[in-house]
Amino acid sequence: MANGSGSRGRGGSPLRRGGPARAAAKGRPRPTPKPSRRAEPTPPSEPREFRLGAVPGATPGKWIGLWRERVPHVTLELHEIAVSSQRDALADVDAALVRLPLATPDDAHVIELYDELPVVVMAAESHLAAADELTLADLAGEVVIVPVDDVLKAQVPDAAPPAFSSPLDTAEAIATVAAGIGVVIVPMSLARAHHRRDVEHRVLTDGPRSTVALAWLRDRTTDDVETFVGIVRGRTARSSR
């Protein structure tokens, strides 16, 4: 049998591993643990609302979707505003999608977003529907209806004046057109918004365009307004202002 000499000291007693080191360690003071510096949790933001105005035909759906992803604690409320009163409506919303020109914009910020093509809306059976697109000259002799809420102010040379009062709004004008009476010129978004099976629309290549812009009062610029501006300008969630 092995004599076990490898596991005993010279005095024959078993070795105690780390004995002297442990003894020395007992005499050392233990270091005082450093207090942990944990970051204070950020308090949740208070729920609030962001009021966005929009004229008929404006399409803020994409921007609203991005807003709800990035600022879920701020409810976005969409309010439809009339073009005729869009300037006054800025006092009741945080920002608004408007149609230019905007009256007295000196106390408001205005950012142009996009231009809309003008289209001619006519009855589905109209001879004008045979064309892929139209010009102002093609409308000579046609009854051109101008609703009270008209935004394009198109001037059609040699157009026939209607023998009735102007419709109150675009929807009424298009309903009149559907009955086979005249045509109406509107931005493409409005033609789509009031689409009916008994009407057609064609692009008016040389007609006036409608510019949609984002506007808000200068003295009401807030972080939420800046966030929405960043969204419509295409900034990502990590982009700086």
Foldseek 3Di string as FASTA:
>chain_A
DDPCPVQADPVRHGDDPCPVVVVVVVPDDDDDDDDDDDDDDDDDDAAEEAEEEEEPLDDCPVLQVVCCVQPVSYHYDYHYDAQVCVQVCLVVGQKYWHWPPDPPCPQKDKFWQDKFFKKKKAFPPDPVVVDQAAELVVQAAFAEAAAPSADFPWDRPNHDHDPDDHHNDPLVVNVVRLVVHTMYMHGPSVCVVNPDPGMDMHTHVPGGIIIIIMMHGPVSDDPVNVVSVCSSVPHDSPDDD
